Amino acid sequence: MADLVITATGVLALGGATRETGVAGEAITAGQVVYKHTDRKLYKADCLTAAKAAAIGVALNGAAAGQPVVYVRGGGLNPGATVAPGTVYGVTDTAGGIGPIGDRATADYITVLGIGVTASRLDLAIHASGVAIPS
């Protein structure tokens, strides 16, 4: 499988969602996974380094650098894409991307985002392991 193809206008917080707000450090689109940089701003997460893989949520709105971003930290999320029930999703090597954990490769840092519950619901329970897949 590849990264989810997200329609930004379809990204919605669902029942039990925990929301927080931060400031974008770069342009962010609704549905992209974010992490908090040392400058305390939000950037698009990827699995290429431990720091960038330490995701804290999924953006609910788009924002330019310096603008506020509301993101879901946990609970129900419609990611604006079709998800497979029972599939574990995580941070990918695409900046801000969401994809099946099983697609990760050698040297990728593993961050679990959540599990597909229905075709339009991802239950977020983020776990940034800080561990890369060994070669």
C-alpha atoms as a PDB file:
ATOM      1  CA  MET A   1       0.000   0.000   0.000  1.00  0.00           C
ATOM      2  CA  ALA A   2       1.036   3.589  -0.474  1.00  0.00           C
ATOM      3  CA  ASP A   3       0.437   6.720   1.568  1.00  0.00           C
ATOM      4  CA  LEU A   4      -3.194   7.697   2.057  1.00  0.00           C
ATOM      5  CA  VAL A   5      -4.427  10.116  -0.594  1.00  0.00           C
ATOM      6  CA  ILE A   6      -5.968  12.766   1.621  1.00  0.00           C
ATOM      7  CA  THR A   7      -8.646  15.256   0.619  1.00  0.00           C
ATOM      8  CA  ALA A   8      -8.020  18.171   2.990  1.00  0.00           C
ATOM      9  CA  THR A   9     -11.684  19.226   3.059  1.00  0.00           C
ATOM     10  CA  GLY A  10     -12.634  15.738   4.307  1.00  0.00           C
ATOM     11  CA  VAL A  11     -10.413  15.799   7.416  1.00  0.00           C
ATOM     12  CA  LEU A  12     -12.629  15.853  10.520  1.00  0.00           C
ATOM     13  CA  ALA A  13     -12.252  15.280  14.246  1.00  0.00           C
ATOM     14  CA  LEU A  14     -14.655  12.561  15.375  1.00  0.00           C
ATOM     15  CA  GLY A  15     -16.041  11.441  18.736  1.00  0.00           C
ATOM     16  CA  GLY A  16     -13.455  11.288  21.487  1.00  0.00           C
ATOM     17  CA  ALA A  17     -10.939  13.418  19.590  1.00  0.00           C
ATOM     18  CA  THR A  18      -8.444  15.384  21.662  1.00  0.00           C
ATOM     19  CA  ARG A  19      -7.569  18.690  20.003  1.00  0.00           C
ATOM     20  CA  GLU A  20      -4.680  21.073  20.614  1.00  0.00           C
ATOM     21  CA  THR A  21      -3.392  24.189  18.886  1.00  0.00           C
ATOM     22  CA  GLY A  22       0.112  25.210  17.850  1.00  0.00           C
ATOM     23  CA  VAL A  23       1.872  27.552  15.432  1.00  0.00           C
ATOM     24  CA  ALA A  24       2.993  26.347  12.011  1.00  0.00           C
ATOM     25  CA  GLY A  25       6.711  26.564  11.276  1.00  0.00           C
ATOM     26  CA  GLU A  26       6.051  25.845   7.589  1.00  0.00           C
ATOM     27  CA  ALA A  27       3.023  25.525   5.307  1.00  0.00           C
ATOM     28  CA  ILE A  28       0.819  22.689   6.578  1.00  0.00           C
ATOM     29  CA  THR A  29      -2.260  21.154   4.955  1.00  0.00           C
ATOM     30  CA  ALA A  30      -5.197  19.563   6.780  1.00  0.00           C
ATOM     31  CA  GLY A  31      -4.544  15.828   7.140  1.00  0.00           C
ATOM     32  CA  GLN A  32      -0.773  16.107   7.444  1.00  0.00           C
ATOM     33  CA  VAL A  33       1.029  14.598  10.438  1.00  0.00           C
ATOM     34  CA  VAL A  34       2.920  17.162  12.534  1.00  0.00           C
ATOM     35  CA  TYR A  35       5.714  17.148  15.105  1.00  0.00           C
ATOM     36  CA  LYS A  36       6.919  19.890  17.451  1.00  0.00           C
ATOM     37  CA  HIS A  37      10.376  21.224  16.563  1.00  0.00           C
ATOM     38  CA  THR A  38      12.832  22.613  19.130  1.00  0.00           C
ATOM     39  CA  ASP A  39      11.630  26.109  18.131  1.00  0.00           C
ATOM     40  CA  ARG A  40       8.200  25.010  19.549  1.00  0.00           C
ATOM     41  CA  LYS A  41       6.545  25.321  16.114  1.00  0.00           C
ATOM     42  CA  LEU A  42       4.793  22.569  14.170  1.00  0.00           C
ATOM     43  CA  TYR A  43       6.354  20.965  11.111  1.00  0.00           C
ATOM     44  CA  LYS A  44       5.428  18.045   8.852  1.00  0.00           C
ATOM     45  CA  ALA A  45       6.564  14.726  10.312  1.00  0.00           C
ATOM     46  CA  ASP A  46       8.401  12.008   8.398  1.00  0.00           C
ATOM     47  CA  CYS A  47      10.073   8.726   9.361  1.00  0.00           C
ATOM     48  CA  LEU A  48      13.575   9.618   8.179  1.00  0.00           C
ATOM     49  CA  THR A  49      14.924  10.920  11.517  1.00  0.00           C
ATOM     50  CA  ALA A  50      13.922  10.242  15.119  1.00  0.00           C
ATOM     51  CA  ALA A  51      13.161  13.934  15.717  1.00  0.00           C
ATOM     52  CA  LYS A  52      10.850  14.293  12.703  1.00  0.00           C
ATOM     53  CA  ALA A  53       9.195  10.935  13.396  1.00  0.00           C
ATOM     54  CA  ALA A  54       8.140  12.090  16.894  1.00  0.00           C
ATOM     55  CA  ALA A  55       4.645  13.012  15.682  1.00  0.00           C
ATOM     56  CA  ILE A  56       2.185  14.671  18.042  1.00  0.00           C
ATOM     57  CA  GLY A  57      -0.930  14.825  15.869  1.00  0.00           C
ATOM     58  CA  VAL A  58      -2.744  15.292  12.567  1.00  0.00           C
ATOM     59  CA  ALA A  59      -3.615  18.799  11.352  1.00  0.00           C
ATOM     60  CA  LEU A  60      -7.306  19.684  11.086  1.00  0.00           C
ATOM     61  CA  ASN A  61      -6.701  22.888   9.119  1.00  0.00           C
ATOM     62  CA  GLY A  62      -4.220  24.314   6.671  1.00  0.00           C
ATOM     63  CA  ALA A  63      -1.871  27.087   7.742  1.00  0.00           C
ATOM     64  CA  ALA A  64       1.041  29.110   6.425  1.00  0.00           C
ATOM     65  CA  ALA A  65       4.185  29.515   8.531  1.00  0.00           C
ATOM     66  CA  GLY A  66       3.349  31.589  11.625  1.00  0.00           C
ATOM     67  CA  GLN A  67      -0.375  30.786  11.565  1.00  0.00           C
ATOM     68  CA  PRO A  68      -2.291  28.646  14.091  1.00  0.00           C
ATOM     69  CA  VAL A  69      -2.821  24.944  13.459  1.00  0.00           C
ATOM     70  CA  VAL A  70      -5.442  22.865  15.274  1.00  0.00           C
ATOM     71  CA  TYR A  71      -4.479  19.199  15.410  1.00  0.00           C
ATOM     72  CA  VAL A  72      -5.918  15.959  16.760  1.00  0.00           C
ATOM     73  CA  ARG A  73      -3.661  14.252  19.325  1.00  0.00           C
ATOM     74  CA  GLY A  74      -5.801  11.218  19.975  1.00  0.00           C
ATOM     75  CA  GLY A  75      -9.253   9.719  19.538  1.00  0.00           C
ATOM     76  CA  GLY A  76     -11.360   9.604  16.405  1.00  0.00           C
ATOM     77  CA  LEU A  77     -10.261  11.125  13.127  1.00  0.00           C
ATOM     78  CA  ASN A  78     -11.632  11.000   9.611  1.00  0.00           C
ATOM     79  CA  PRO A  79      -8.313  11.478   7.788  1.00  0.00           C
ATOM     80  CA  GLY A  80      -9.977  12.599   4.571  1.00  0.00           C
ATOM     81  CA  ALA A  81      -9.073   9.305   2.902  1.00  0.00           C
ATOM     82  CA  THR A  82     -10.287   5.718   2.864  1.00  0.00           C
ATOM     83  CA  VAL A  83      -8.596   3.585   5.536  1.00  0.00           C
ATOM     84  CA  ALA A  84      -8.585  -0.188   5.877  1.00  0.00           C
ATOM     85  CA  PRO A  85     -10.193  -1.481   9.082  1.00  0.00           C
ATOM     86  CA  GLY A  86      -7.653  -3.369  11.199  1.00  0.00           C
ATOM     87  CA  THR A  87      -4.648  -1.756   9.509  1.00  0.00           C
ATOM     88  CA  VAL A  88      -2.096  -0.013  11.726  1.00  0.00           C
ATOM     89  CA  TYR A  89      -1.105   3.375  10.288  1.00  0.00           C
ATOM     90  CA  GLY A  90       1.964   5.456  10.951  1.00  0.00           C
ATOM     91  CA  VAL A  91       4.300   8.220   9.829  1.00  0.00           C
ATOM     92  CA  THR A  92       5.802   7.671   6.353  1.00  0.00           C
ATOM     93  CA  ASP A  93       8.854   8.954   4.500  1.00  0.00           C
ATOM     94  CA  THR A  94       6.683  11.583   2.786  1.00  0.00           C
ATOM     95  CA  ALA A  95       6.583  14.839   4.779  1.00  0.00           C
ATOM     96  CA  GLY A  96       3.223  14.836   6.597  1.00  0.00           C
ATOM     97  CA  GLY A  97       2.238  11.449   5.149  1.00  0.00           C
ATOM     98  CA  ILE A  98       0.142   8.674   6.690  1.00  0.00           C
ATOM     99  CA  GLY A  99       0.518   5.067   5.575  1.00  0.00           C
ATOM    100  CA  PRO A 100       0.477   1.459   6.753  1.00  0.00           C
ATOM    101  CA  ILE A 101       3.242   0.597   9.226  1.00  0.00           C
ATOM    102  CA  GLY A 102       3.936  -2.559   7.224  1.00  0.00           C
ATOM    103  CA  ASP A 103       5.282  -0.394   4.375  1.00  0.00           C
ATOM    104  CA  ARG A 104       8.206   0.961   6.443  1.00  0.00           C
ATOM    105  CA  ALA A 105      11.708  -0.047   5.341  1.00  0.00           C
ATOM    106  CA  THR A 106      15.219  -0.374   6.766  1.00  0.00           C
ATOM    107  CA  ALA A 107      16.354   2.741   8.701  1.00  0.00           C
ATOM    108  CA  ASP A 108      12.806   4.193   8.931  1.00  0.00           C
ATOM    109  CA  TYR A 109      11.845   5.375  12.429  1.00  0.00           C
ATOM    110  CA  ILE A 110       8.575   3.841  13.575  1.00  0.00           C
ATOM    111  CA  THR A 111       5.766   6.025  14.870  1.00  0.00           C
ATOM    112  CA  VAL A 112       2.343   4.425  15.197  1.00  0.00           C
ATOM    113  CA  LEU A 113      -0.490   6.881  14.607  1.00  0.00           C
ATOM    114  CA  GLY A 114      -3.459   4.576  15.071  1.00  0.00           C
ATOM    115  CA  ILE A 115      -5.661   1.831  13.706  1.00  0.00           C
ATOM    116  CA  GLY A 116      -8.269   1.930  10.964  1.00  0.00           C
ATOM    117  CA  VAL A 117     -11.669   1.165  12.516  1.00  0.00           C
ATOM    118  CA  THR A 118     -13.983   1.838   9.574  1.00  0.00           C
ATOM    119  CA  ALA A 119     -13.334   3.068   6.043  1.00  0.00           C
ATOM    120  CA  SER A 120     -13.581   6.655   7.323  1.00  0.00           C
ATOM    121  CA  ARG A 121     -12.320   6.396  10.918  1.00  0.00           C
ATOM    122  CA  LEU A 122      -8.800   6.197  12.233  1.00  0.00           C
ATOM    123  CA  ASP A 123      -8.503   5.859  16.013  1.00  0.00           C
ATOM    124  CA  LEU A 124      -5.388   7.808  16.952  1.00  0.00           C
ATOM    125  CA  ALA A 125      -3.163   6.574  19.772  1.00  0.00           C
ATOM    126  CA  ILE A 126       0.220   8.011  18.804  1.00  0.00           C
ATOM    127  CA  HIS A 127       3.365   6.185  19.884  1.00  0.00           C
ATOM    128  CA  ALA A 128       6.709   7.580  18.691  1.00  0.00           C
ATOM    129  CA  SER A 129       9.081   4.685  19.382  1.00  0.00           C
ATOM    130  CA  GLY A 130      12.331   6.471  18.568  1.00  0.00           C
ATOM    131  CA  VAL A 131      13.453   3.140  17.063  1.00  0.00           C
ATOM    132  CA  ALA A 132      14.552   2.609  13.458  1.00  0.00           C
ATOM    133  CA  ILE A 133      14.091  -0.642  11.568  1.00  0.00           C
ATOM    134  CA  PRO A 134      17.481  -2.399  11.611  1.00  0.00           C
ATOM    135  CA  SER A 135      19.249  -3.401   8.425  1.00  0.00           C
END
